[in-house]
Amino acid sequence: MSPSWGTLSEPERARRRRRFALDVAADALVAREAPPEGVRPPRFDQIYEAARDPRAALTEPLAAALAADDRARTAFEALLRDGAVCWFPVAAAAASPTGLDAREESGFRIWLRPSSAGADQVYVLIRDREERDVRPMAIIALPPAGPPVCAPLPEDIDGVYQLIEREDSPLVRAIRDPASKVALR
């Protein structure tokens, strides 16, 4: 198992960034399939920033490019997983017909609750059961098909982050889907 990104020294991080950039460039040179018409393959610096910087926005063009390019998506997922405050893999538990209502991993819990304000509103609640020095700033969901979905997290209240989403929003659908992966970064 490789060491986590946070435990590496800065020279080692720089060496691994260069190596990864070279690997991505080599893969692009020998790629057998061209990307779909009108979708530009993302650059490594774009993938890296979207996966590692909690303040970076996952733009729609980049999300679409990640959905269209399996190699870029694999690189994004690996970077995201290595740098995440918490990583929720594919759910092993059976889901109800409407999907999962909760996910738990490494002291974090994500659960969905209907809002009393509107029938189509859902609270996405994220609880940190441990007091950590590093707090998550965003949630990113990777559905099995389609682009990644990102939402910034508000300030926590007593260790709970609360988002209000529509029942049919891409984020809620991804959290409910047992085949989705979720990261807090």
N, C-alpha and C. Protein backbone atom coordinates (compact mmCIF):
# COMPACT_ATOMS: atom_id res chain seq x y z
N MET A 1 0.85 -1.18 0.00
CA MET A 1 0.00 0.00 0.00
C MET A 1 0.89 1.23 0.00
N SER A 2 0.57 2.18 -0.81
CA SER A 2 1.38 3.38 -0.90
C SER A 2 1.05 4.33 0.25
N PRO A 3 2.03 5.15 0.65
CA PRO A 3 1.76 6.10 1.73
C PRO A 3 0.77 7.17 1.27
N SER A 4 0.05 7.76 2.21
CA SER A 4 -0.90 8.80 1.84
C SER A 4 -0.14 10.06 1.45
N TRP A 5 -0.77 10.86 0.66
CA TRP A 5 -0.17 12.08 0.12
C TRP A 5 0.32 12.99 1.24
N GLY A 6 -0.44 13.10 2.31
CA GLY A 6 -0.10 14.00 3.40
C GLY A 6 1.16 13.61 4.15
N THR A 7 1.57 12.35 4.06
CA THR A 7 2.77 11.92 4.78
C THR A 7 4.04 12.06 3.95
N LEU A 8 3.92 12.40 2.68
CA LEU A 8 5.10 12.53 1.81
C LEU A 8 5.76 13.89 1.99
N SER A 9 7.07 13.91 1.82
CA SER A 9 7.80 15.18 1.86
C SER A 9 7.52 15.95 0.57
N GLU A 10 7.76 17.25 0.61
CA GLU A 10 7.49 18.07 -0.58
C GLU A 10 8.33 17.64 -1.78
N PRO A 11 9.64 17.31 -1.63
CA PRO A 11 10.39 16.81 -2.80
C PRO A 11 9.80 15.52 -3.37
N GLU A 12 9.31 14.63 -2.49
CA GLU A 12 8.71 13.40 -2.97
C GLU A 12 7.39 13.68 -3.69
N ARG A 13 6.60 14.63 -3.18
CA ARG A 13 5.37 15.01 -3.86
C ARG A 13 5.67 15.56 -5.25
N ALA A 14 6.69 16.43 -5.34
CA ALA A 14 7.06 17.02 -6.63
C ALA A 14 7.50 15.92 -7.60
N ARG A 15 8.27 14.95 -7.10
CA ARG A 15 8.72 13.85 -7.95
C ARG A 15 7.53 13.03 -8.44
N ARG A 16 6.58 12.75 -7.55
CA ARG A 16 5.41 11.97 -7.95
C ARG A 16 4.50 12.74 -8.89
N ARG A 17 4.37 14.06 -8.72
CA ARG A 17 3.58 14.87 -9.66
C ARG A 17 4.19 14.78 -11.06
N ARG A 18 5.53 14.95 -11.13
CA ARG A 18 6.20 14.88 -12.44
C ARG A 18 6.02 13.51 -13.06
N ARG A 19 6.18 12.46 -12.26
CA ARG A 19 6.04 11.11 -12.77
C ARG A 19 4.61 10.86 -13.28
N PHE A 20 3.62 11.32 -12.51
CA PHE A 20 2.23 11.15 -12.90
C PHE A 20 1.95 11.92 -14.19
N ALA A 21 2.45 13.15 -14.28
CA ALA A 21 2.25 13.96 -15.49
C ALA A 21 2.87 13.27 -16.70
N LEU A 22 4.04 12.68 -16.52
CA LEU A 22 4.69 11.95 -17.62
C LEU A 22 3.86 10.72 -18.02
N ASP A 23 3.36 10.00 -17.03
CA ASP A 23 2.53 8.82 -17.33
C ASP A 23 1.26 9.21 -18.08
N VAL A 24 0.61 10.28 -17.65
CA VAL A 24 -0.61 10.74 -18.32
C VAL A 24 -0.28 11.18 -19.75
N ALA A 25 0.83 11.90 -19.92
CA ALA A 25 1.22 12.35 -21.26
C ALA A 25 1.53 11.16 -22.16
N ALA A 26 2.23 10.17 -21.63
CA ALA A 26 2.55 8.98 -22.42
C ALA A 26 1.28 8.23 -22.80
N ASP A 27 0.36 8.10 -21.87
CA ASP A 27 -0.91 7.45 -22.17
C ASP A 27 -1.66 8.20 -23.27
N ALA A 28 -1.64 9.52 -23.21
CA ALA A 28 -2.34 10.32 -24.22
C ALA A 28 -1.71 10.13 -25.60
N LEU A 29 -0.38 9.99 -25.63
CA LEU A 29 0.30 9.81 -26.92
C LEU A 29 -0.02 8.48 -27.57
N VAL A 30 -0.25 7.46 -26.76
CA VAL A 30 -0.49 6.14 -27.33
C VAL A 30 -1.96 5.74 -27.26
N ALA A 31 -2.82 6.67 -26.88
CA ALA A 31 -4.25 6.36 -26.78
C ALA A 31 -4.78 5.90 -28.12
N ARG A 32 -5.55 4.85 -28.08
CA ARG A 32 -6.10 4.30 -29.33
C ARG A 32 -7.38 4.98 -29.73
N GLU A 33 -8.09 5.54 -28.76
CA GLU A 33 -9.36 6.19 -29.05
C GLU A 33 -9.23 7.69 -28.82
N ALA A 34 -9.78 8.42 -29.74
CA ALA A 34 -9.81 9.88 -29.57
C ALA A 34 -10.96 10.23 -28.64
N PRO A 35 -10.83 11.35 -27.89
CA PRO A 35 -11.95 11.74 -27.04
C PRO A 35 -13.16 12.10 -27.89
N PRO A 36 -14.36 12.05 -27.32
CA PRO A 36 -15.55 12.39 -28.08
C PRO A 36 -15.46 13.79 -28.68
N GLU A 37 -16.13 13.97 -29.78
CA GLU A 37 -16.14 15.25 -30.48
C GLU A 37 -16.58 16.37 -29.54
N GLY A 38 -15.83 17.44 -29.50
CA GLY A 38 -16.20 18.62 -28.71
C GLY A 38 -15.78 18.55 -27.25
N VAL A 39 -15.23 17.42 -26.80
CA VAL A 39 -14.78 17.31 -25.42
C VAL A 39 -13.26 17.24 -25.42
N ARG A 40 -12.66 18.25 -24.84
CA ARG A 40 -11.20 18.31 -24.75
C ARG A 40 -10.74 17.51 -23.54
N PRO A 41 -9.73 16.64 -23.70
CA PRO A 41 -9.27 15.90 -22.53
C PRO A 41 -8.71 16.87 -21.50
N PRO A 42 -8.99 16.62 -20.23
CA PRO A 42 -8.49 17.54 -19.20
C PRO A 42 -6.98 17.41 -19.02
N ARG A 43 -6.37 18.52 -18.67
CA ARG A 43 -4.94 18.52 -18.38
C ARG A 43 -4.74 17.99 -16.96
N PHE A 44 -3.54 17.49 -16.70
CA PHE A 44 -3.25 16.95 -15.38
C PHE A 44 -3.40 18.00 -14.29
N ASP A 45 -2.94 19.23 -14.55
CA ASP A 45 -3.05 20.26 -13.51
C ASP A 45 -4.51 20.55 -13.17
N GLN A 46 -5.41 20.44 -14.14
CA GLN A 46 -6.84 20.63 -13.87
C GLN A 46 -7.38 19.48 -13.02
N ILE A 47 -7.01 18.26 -13.36
CA ILE A 47 -7.45 17.09 -12.60
C ILE A 47 -6.92 17.18 -11.17
N TYR A 48 -5.65 17.50 -11.06
CA TYR A 48 -5.01 17.58 -9.74
C TYR A 48 -5.68 18.65 -8.87
N GLU A 49 -5.88 19.83 -9.42
CA GLU A 49 -6.47 20.92 -8.64
C GLU A 49 -7.90 20.57 -8.21
N ALA A 50 -8.68 19.99 -9.10
CA ALA A 50 -10.06 19.64 -8.76
C ALA A 50 -10.12 18.56 -7.69
N ALA A 51 -9.15 17.65 -7.70
CA ALA A 51 -9.15 16.56 -6.72
C ALA A 51 -8.54 16.94 -5.39
N ARG A 52 -7.56 17.84 -5.40
CA ARG A 52 -6.79 18.10 -4.18
C ARG A 52 -7.09 19.40 -3.46
N ASP A 53 -7.56 20.40 -4.17
CA ASP A 53 -7.78 21.71 -3.54
C ASP A 53 -9.25 21.83 -3.13
N PRO A 54 -9.54 21.86 -1.83
CA PRO A 54 -10.93 21.92 -1.40
C PRO A 54 -11.66 23.19 -1.85
N ARG A 55 -10.91 24.23 -2.17
CA ARG A 55 -11.56 25.47 -2.60
C ARG A 55 -11.78 25.49 -4.11
N ALA A 56 -11.17 24.57 -4.83
CA ALA A 56 -11.31 24.54 -6.29
C ALA A 56 -12.69 24.00 -6.66
N ALA A 57 -13.28 24.65 -7.60
CA ALA A 57 -14.59 24.21 -8.07
C ALA A 57 -14.41 23.15 -9.15
N LEU A 58 -15.29 22.18 -9.14
CA LEU A 58 -15.32 21.18 -10.20
C LEU A 58 -16.24 21.74 -11.27
N THR A 59 -15.65 22.37 -12.28
CA THR A 59 -16.44 23.06 -13.30
C THR A 59 -17.20 22.05 -14.16
N GLU A 60 -18.26 22.52 -14.80
CA GLU A 60 -19.06 21.64 -15.66
C GLU A 60 -18.24 21.07 -16.82
N PRO A 61 -17.41 21.90 -17.51
CA PRO A 61 -16.61 21.31 -18.59
C PRO A 61 -15.65 20.22 -18.10
N LEU A 62 -15.04 20.45 -16.93
CA LEU A 62 -14.12 19.44 -16.40
C LEU A 62 -14.90 18.19 -15.98
N ALA A 63 -16.04 18.36 -15.34
CA ALA A 63 -16.86 17.21 -14.94
C ALA A 63 -17.29 16.40 -16.16
N ALA A 64 -17.67 17.09 -17.24
CA ALA A 64 -18.06 16.41 -18.48
C ALA A 64 -16.87 15.67 -19.08
N ALA A 65 -15.70 16.29 -19.05
CA ALA A 65 -14.50 15.64 -19.58
C ALA A 65 -14.14 14.41 -18.76
N LEU A 66 -14.31 14.48 -17.44
CA LEU A 66 -14.02 13.32 -16.59
C LEU A 66 -15.02 12.19 -16.85
N ALA A 67 -16.25 12.54 -17.17
CA ALA A 67 -17.25 11.52 -17.48
C ALA A 67 -16.95 10.85 -18.82
N ALA A 68 -16.33 11.58 -19.74
CA ALA A 68 -16.08 11.07 -21.08
C ALA A 68 -14.74 10.34 -21.22
N ASP A 69 -13.81 10.59 -20.31
CA ASP A 69 -12.45 10.05 -20.43
C ASP A 69 -12.17 9.15 -19.23
N ASP A 70 -12.16 7.83 -19.46
CA ASP A 70 -11.96 6.88 -18.37
C ASP A 70 -10.61 7.04 -17.67
N ARG A 71 -9.57 7.32 -18.43
CA ARG A 71 -8.24 7.47 -17.82
C ARG A 71 -8.19 8.70 -16.93
N ALA A 72 -8.75 9.80 -17.40
CA ALA A 72 -8.77 11.01 -16.58
C ALA A 72 -9.61 10.78 -15.33
N ARG A 73 -10.73 10.10 -15.48
CA ARG A 73 -11.59 9.82 -14.32
C ARG A 73 -10.87 8.93 -13.30
N THR A 74 -10.14 7.94 -13.79
CA THR A 74 -9.37 7.06 -12.89
C THR A 74 -8.31 7.84 -12.15
N ALA A 75 -7.62 8.74 -12.85
CA ALA A 75 -6.61 9.58 -12.21
C ALA A 75 -7.26 10.50 -11.18
N PHE A 76 -8.39 11.11 -11.54
CA PHE A 76 -9.11 12.00 -10.62
C PHE A 76 -9.53 11.24 -9.37
N GLU A 77 -10.08 10.05 -9.55
CA GLU A 77 -10.54 9.25 -8.42
C GLU A 77 -9.37 8.87 -7.50
N ALA A 78 -8.24 8.48 -8.09
CA ALA A 78 -7.07 8.10 -7.27
C ALA A 78 -6.55 9.30 -6.48
N LEU A 79 -6.45 10.45 -7.11
CA LEU A 79 -6.00 11.65 -6.41
C LEU A 79 -6.99 12.06 -5.32
N LEU A 80 -8.26 11.98 -5.63
CA LEU A 80 -9.30 12.34 -4.68
C LEU A 80 -9.26 11.40 -3.47
N ARG A 81 -9.18 10.11 -3.72
CA ARG A 81 -9.15 9.12 -2.64
C ARG A 81 -7.93 9.32 -1.74
N ASP A 82 -6.77 9.57 -2.34
CA ASP A 82 -5.54 9.74 -1.55
C ASP A 82 -5.54 11.01 -0.71
N GLY A 83 -6.23 12.04 -1.15
CA GLY A 83 -6.22 13.30 -0.42
C GLY A 83 -7.48 13.60 0.36
N ALA A 84 -8.44 12.69 0.35
CA ALA A 84 -9.72 12.95 1.00
C ALA A 84 -9.60 12.90 2.52
N VAL A 85 -10.39 13.72 3.17
CA VAL A 85 -10.51 13.65 4.63
C VAL A 85 -11.19 12.33 4.98
N CYS A 86 -12.16 11.92 4.15
CA CYS A 86 -12.84 10.63 4.31
C CYS A 86 -13.27 10.13 2.93
N TRP A 87 -13.07 8.86 2.68
CA TRP A 87 -13.42 8.22 1.42
C TRP A 87 -14.48 7.16 1.69
N PHE A 88 -15.61 7.25 1.00
CA PHE A 88 -16.69 6.27 1.10
C PHE A 88 -16.66 5.43 -0.17
N PRO A 89 -16.20 4.17 -0.10
CA PRO A 89 -16.18 3.34 -1.30
C PRO A 89 -17.58 2.90 -1.70
N VAL A 90 -17.66 2.09 -2.72
CA VAL A 90 -18.93 1.52 -3.16
C VAL A 90 -19.56 0.82 -1.96
N ALA A 91 -20.84 1.02 -1.74
CA ALA A 91 -21.53 0.44 -0.59
C ALA A 91 -21.72 -1.05 -0.77
N ALA A 92 -21.39 -1.80 0.25
CA ALA A 92 -21.53 -3.25 0.19
C ALA A 92 -22.90 -3.71 0.65
N ALA A 93 -23.58 -2.88 1.41
CA ALA A 93 -24.89 -3.25 1.96
C ALA A 93 -25.97 -3.15 0.90
N ALA A 94 -26.99 -3.95 1.08
CA ALA A 94 -28.13 -3.89 0.18
C ALA A 94 -28.91 -2.60 0.44
N ALA A 95 -29.40 -2.02 -0.60
CA ALA A 95 -30.15 -0.77 -0.49
C ALA A 95 -31.64 -1.04 -0.60
N SER A 96 -32.41 -0.10 -0.11
CA SER A 96 -33.86 -0.19 -0.27
C SER A 96 -34.18 0.13 -1.73
N PRO A 97 -35.42 -0.03 -2.15
CA PRO A 97 -35.78 0.28 -3.55
C PRO A 97 -35.47 1.73 -3.94
N THR A 98 -35.48 2.63 -2.97
CA THR A 98 -35.18 4.03 -3.28
C THR A 98 -33.69 4.33 -3.15
N GLY A 99 -32.89 3.35 -2.73
CA GLY A 99 -31.46 3.55 -2.58
C GLY A 99 -31.07 3.67 -1.11
N LEU A 100 -29.81 4.05 -0.90
CA LEU A 100 -29.28 4.20 0.45
C LEU A 100 -29.80 5.47 1.11
N ASP A 101 -30.01 5.41 2.40
CA ASP A 101 -30.37 6.59 3.16
C ASP A 101 -29.21 7.08 4.00
N ALA A 102 -28.16 6.23 4.17
CA ALA A 102 -27.01 6.61 4.99
C ALA A 102 -25.78 5.86 4.54
N ARG A 103 -24.64 6.48 4.80
CA ARG A 103 -23.33 5.87 4.56
C ARG A 103 -22.46 6.20 5.76
N GLU A 104 -21.61 5.25 6.19
CA GLU A 104 -20.71 5.49 7.31
C GLU A 104 -19.32 4.99 6.96
N GLU A 105 -18.33 5.78 7.37
CA GLU A 105 -16.94 5.41 7.11
C GLU A 105 -16.02 6.28 7.96
N SER A 106 -15.05 5.68 8.60
CA SER A 106 -13.97 6.38 9.31
C SER A 106 -14.45 7.50 10.23
N GLY A 107 -15.50 7.27 10.97
CA GLY A 107 -15.98 8.27 11.91
C GLY A 107 -16.92 9.30 11.31
N PHE A 108 -17.17 9.23 10.01
CA PHE A 108 -18.11 10.14 9.36
C PHE A 108 -19.39 9.39 9.02
N ARG A 109 -20.47 10.10 9.06
CA ARG A 109 -21.76 9.54 8.65
C ARG A 109 -22.45 10.55 7.75
N ILE A 110 -22.93 10.08 6.60
CA ILE A 110 -23.75 10.90 5.69
C ILE A 110 -25.13 10.27 5.69
N TRP A 111 -26.14 11.08 5.92
CA TRP A 111 -27.50 10.55 5.82
C TRP A 111 -28.42 11.59 5.23
N LEU A 112 -29.50 11.09 4.67
CA LEU A 112 -30.49 11.93 3.99
C LEU A 112 -31.78 11.92 4.80
N ARG A 113 -32.35 13.10 4.99
CA ARG A 113 -33.62 13.22 5.71
C ARG A 113 -34.54 14.12 4.91
N PRO A 114 -35.80 13.75 4.79
CA PRO A 114 -36.74 14.61 4.09
C PRO A 114 -36.94 15.91 4.87
N SER A 115 -37.14 16.98 4.14
CA SER A 115 -37.38 18.28 4.76
C SER A 115 -38.88 18.46 4.96
N SER A 116 -39.24 19.09 6.05
CA SER A 116 -40.66 19.37 6.29
C SER A 116 -41.11 20.61 5.51
N ALA A 117 -40.14 21.36 4.97
CA ALA A 117 -40.47 22.59 4.23
C ALA A 117 -41.05 22.30 2.85
N GLY A 118 -40.64 21.22 2.24
CA GLY A 118 -41.13 20.91 0.90
C GLY A 118 -40.97 19.44 0.60
N ALA A 119 -41.89 18.90 -0.16
CA ALA A 119 -41.88 17.47 -0.45
C ALA A 119 -40.68 17.06 -1.30
N ASP A 120 -40.15 17.99 -2.06
CA ASP A 120 -39.04 17.63 -2.94
C ASP A 120 -37.68 18.05 -2.37
N GLN A 121 -37.64 18.51 -1.11
CA GLN A 121 -36.38 18.91 -0.49
C GLN A 121 -35.87 17.82 0.44
N VAL A 122 -34.54 17.70 0.47
CA VAL A 122 -33.88 16.70 1.31
C VAL A 122 -32.72 17.38 2.02
N TYR A 123 -32.53 17.04 3.29
CA TYR A 123 -31.34 17.47 4.01
C TYR A 123 -30.25 16.43 3.78
N VAL A 124 -29.08 16.88 3.39
CA VAL A 124 -27.90 16.03 3.35
C VAL A 124 -27.12 16.40 4.60
N LEU A 125 -27.05 15.48 5.54
CA LEU A 125 -26.40 15.72 6.83
C LEU A 125 -25.12 14.91 6.89
N ILE A 126 -24.05 15.56 7.32
CA ILE A 126 -22.75 14.90 7.44
C ILE A 126 -22.26 15.15 8.85
N ARG A 127 -22.05 14.08 9.60
CA ARG A 127 -21.58 14.20 10.98
C ARG A 127 -20.16 13.65 11.08
N ASP A 128 -19.34 14.42 11.77
CA ASP A 128 -17.99 13.99 12.11
C ASP A 128 -18.03 13.57 13.57
N ARG A 129 -17.91 12.30 13.81
CA ARG A 129 -18.00 11.80 15.19
C ARG A 129 -16.71 12.00 15.97
N GLU A 130 -15.64 12.37 15.28
CA GLU A 130 -14.36 12.61 15.93
C GLU A 130 -14.01 14.08 15.72
N GLU A 131 -13.38 14.66 16.69
CA GLU A 131 -12.91 16.04 16.53
C GLU A 131 -11.58 15.98 15.80
N ARG A 132 -11.55 16.42 14.57
CA ARG A 132 -10.35 16.37 13.75
C ARG A 132 -9.77 17.76 13.57
N ASP A 133 -8.47 17.79 13.32
CA ASP A 133 -7.82 19.06 13.01
C ASP A 133 -8.18 19.51 11.60
N VAL A 134 -8.33 18.56 10.69
CA VAL A 134 -8.67 18.86 9.30
C VAL A 134 -10.17 18.66 9.12
N ARG A 135 -10.84 19.70 8.69
CA ARG A 135 -12.29 19.62 8.48
C ARG A 135 -12.57 19.58 6.98
N PRO A 136 -13.57 18.79 6.59
CA PRO A 136 -13.91 18.76 5.17
C PRO A 136 -14.52 20.09 4.73
N MET A 137 -14.25 20.45 3.48
CA MET A 137 -14.77 21.69 2.92
C MET A 137 -15.72 21.45 1.76
N ALA A 138 -15.74 20.20 1.25
CA ALA A 138 -16.60 19.89 0.11
C ALA A 138 -16.93 18.41 0.11
N ILE A 139 -18.03 18.07 -0.54
CA ILE A 139 -18.40 16.68 -0.76
C ILE A 139 -18.39 16.45 -2.27
N ILE A 140 -17.78 15.34 -2.67
CA ILE A 140 -17.73 14.99 -4.09
C ILE A 140 -18.27 13.57 -4.23
N ALA A 141 -19.24 13.40 -5.10
CA ALA A 141 -19.82 12.08 -5.37
C ALA A 141 -19.42 11.65 -6.77
N LEU A 142 -19.03 10.40 -6.89
CA LEU A 142 -18.66 9.81 -8.18
C LEU A 142 -19.65 8.72 -8.53
N PRO A 143 -20.72 9.09 -9.25
CA PRO A 143 -21.68 8.05 -9.66
C PRO A 143 -21.01 7.12 -10.67
N PRO A 144 -21.51 5.88 -10.80
CA PRO A 144 -20.87 4.94 -11.72
C PRO A 144 -20.92 5.41 -13.18
N ALA A 145 -21.94 6.16 -13.53
CA ALA A 145 -22.04 6.71 -14.88
C ALA A 145 -22.37 8.19 -14.75
N GLY A 146 -21.74 8.98 -15.57
CA GLY A 146 -22.00 10.41 -15.52
C GLY A 146 -20.88 11.17 -14.82
N PRO A 147 -21.01 12.47 -14.83
CA PRO A 147 -19.95 13.31 -14.27
C PRO A 147 -19.94 13.32 -12.75
N PRO A 148 -18.78 13.59 -12.15
CA PRO A 148 -18.72 13.76 -10.70
C PRO A 148 -19.55 14.98 -10.28
N VAL A 149 -20.02 14.96 -9.05
CA VAL A 149 -20.85 16.03 -8.51
C VAL A 149 -20.15 16.57 -7.27
N CYS A 150 -20.04 17.89 -7.18
CA CYS A 150 -19.35 18.52 -6.06
C CYS A 150 -20.23 19.59 -5.43
N ALA A 151 -20.18 19.67 -4.11
CA ALA A 151 -20.90 20.73 -3.39
C ALA A 151 -20.04 21.20 -2.23
N PRO A 152 -19.88 22.51 -2.07
CA PRO A 152 -19.13 23.01 -0.91
C PRO A 152 -19.93 22.79 0.36
N LEU A 153 -19.23 22.56 1.45
CA LEU A 153 -19.90 22.36 2.74
C LEU A 153 -19.93 23.67 3.51
N PRO A 154 -21.04 23.93 4.18
CA PRO A 154 -21.11 25.12 5.04
C PRO A 154 -20.34 24.85 6.33
N GLU A 155 -20.28 25.83 7.19
CA GLU A 155 -19.68 25.63 8.51
C GLU A 155 -20.48 24.57 9.25
N ASP A 156 -19.78 23.75 10.03
CA ASP A 156 -20.51 22.74 10.79
C ASP A 156 -21.13 23.38 12.03
N ILE A 157 -22.20 22.78 12.48
CA ILE A 157 -22.85 23.17 13.73
C ILE A 157 -22.81 21.94 14.62
N ASP A 158 -22.01 22.02 15.66
CA ASP A 158 -21.82 20.89 16.59
C ASP A 158 -21.39 19.63 15.86
N GLY A 159 -20.50 19.77 14.89
CA GLY A 159 -19.97 18.61 14.16
C GLY A 159 -20.85 18.11 13.04
N VAL A 160 -21.93 18.83 12.72
CA VAL A 160 -22.83 18.39 11.64
C VAL A 160 -22.85 19.45 10.54
N TYR A 161 -22.59 19.00 9.32
CA TYR A 161 -22.68 19.85 8.13
C TYR A 161 -24.04 19.58 7.52
N GLN A 162 -24.73 20.63 7.11
CA GLN A 162 -26.08 20.48 6.60
C GLN A 162 -26.24 21.17 5.25
N LEU A 163 -26.65 20.39 4.25
CA LEU A 163 -26.96 20.91 2.92
C LEU A 163 -28.44 20.68 2.66
N ILE A 164 -29.06 21.57 1.92
CA ILE A 164 -30.44 21.35 1.47
C ILE A 164 -30.38 21.16 -0.04
N GLU A 165 -30.88 20.03 -0.49
CA GLU A 165 -30.85 19.67 -1.90
C GLU A 165 -32.25 19.23 -2.34
N ARG A 166 -32.45 19.22 -3.64
CA ARG A 166 -33.68 18.66 -4.21
C ARG A 166 -33.57 17.14 -4.18
N GLU A 167 -34.70 16.48 -4.04
CA GLU A 167 -34.74 15.02 -4.00
C GLU A 167 -34.12 14.40 -5.25
N ASP A 168 -34.29 15.05 -6.40
CA ASP A 168 -33.77 14.50 -7.65
C ASP A 168 -32.45 15.13 -8.08
N SER A 169 -31.76 15.82 -7.18
CA SER A 169 -30.48 16.45 -7.55
C SER A 169 -29.43 15.37 -7.82
N PRO A 170 -28.45 15.67 -8.67
CA PRO A 170 -27.40 14.69 -8.95
C PRO A 170 -26.65 14.24 -7.69
N LEU A 171 -26.46 15.15 -6.73
CA LEU A 171 -25.76 14.79 -5.49
C LEU A 171 -26.57 13.77 -4.69
N VAL A 172 -27.84 14.01 -4.51
CA VAL A 172 -28.69 13.10 -3.74
C VAL A 172 -28.79 11.75 -4.46
N ARG A 173 -28.97 11.77 -5.77
CA ARG A 173 -29.04 10.50 -6.52
C ARG A 173 -27.74 9.71 -6.35
N ALA A 174 -26.60 10.40 -6.40
CA ALA A 174 -25.30 9.72 -6.27
C ALA A 174 -25.12 9.15 -4.86
N ILE A 175 -25.50 9.91 -3.83
CA ILE A 175 -25.37 9.40 -2.46
C ILE A 175 -26.25 8.17 -2.27
N ARG A 176 -27.44 8.18 -2.83
CA ARG A 176 -28.36 7.05 -2.70
C ARG A 176 -27.89 5.82 -3.46
N ASP A 177 -27.16 6.01 -4.55
CA ASP A 177 -26.73 4.90 -5.41
C ASP A 177 -25.62 4.11 -4.73
N PRO A 178 -25.84 2.81 -4.42
CA PRO A 178 -24.80 2.02 -3.74
C PRO A 178 -23.53 1.87 -4.57
N ALA A 179 -23.61 2.04 -5.88
CA ALA A 179 -22.44 1.89 -6.75
C ALA A 179 -21.60 3.17 -6.82
N SER A 180 -22.08 4.25 -6.21
CA SER A 180 -21.34 5.52 -6.21
C SER A 180 -20.27 5.50 -5.12
N LYS A 181 -19.25 6.29 -5.35
CA LYS A 181 -18.21 6.54 -4.36
C LYS A 181 -18.34 7.99 -3.94
N VAL A 182 -18.04 8.28 -2.69
CA VAL A 182 -18.19 9.63 -2.16
C VAL A 182 -16.93 10.00 -1.40
N ALA A 183 -16.52 11.26 -1.53
CA ALA A 183 -15.35 11.76 -0.81
C ALA A 183 -15.69 13.05 -0.10
N LEU A 184 -15.12 13.22 1.06
CA LEU A 184 -15.14 14.50 1.75
C LEU A 184 -13.72 15.03 1.66
N ARG A 185 -13.58 16.24 1.12
CA ARG A 185 -12.22 16.79 1.00
C ARG A 185 -12.16 18.15 1.63
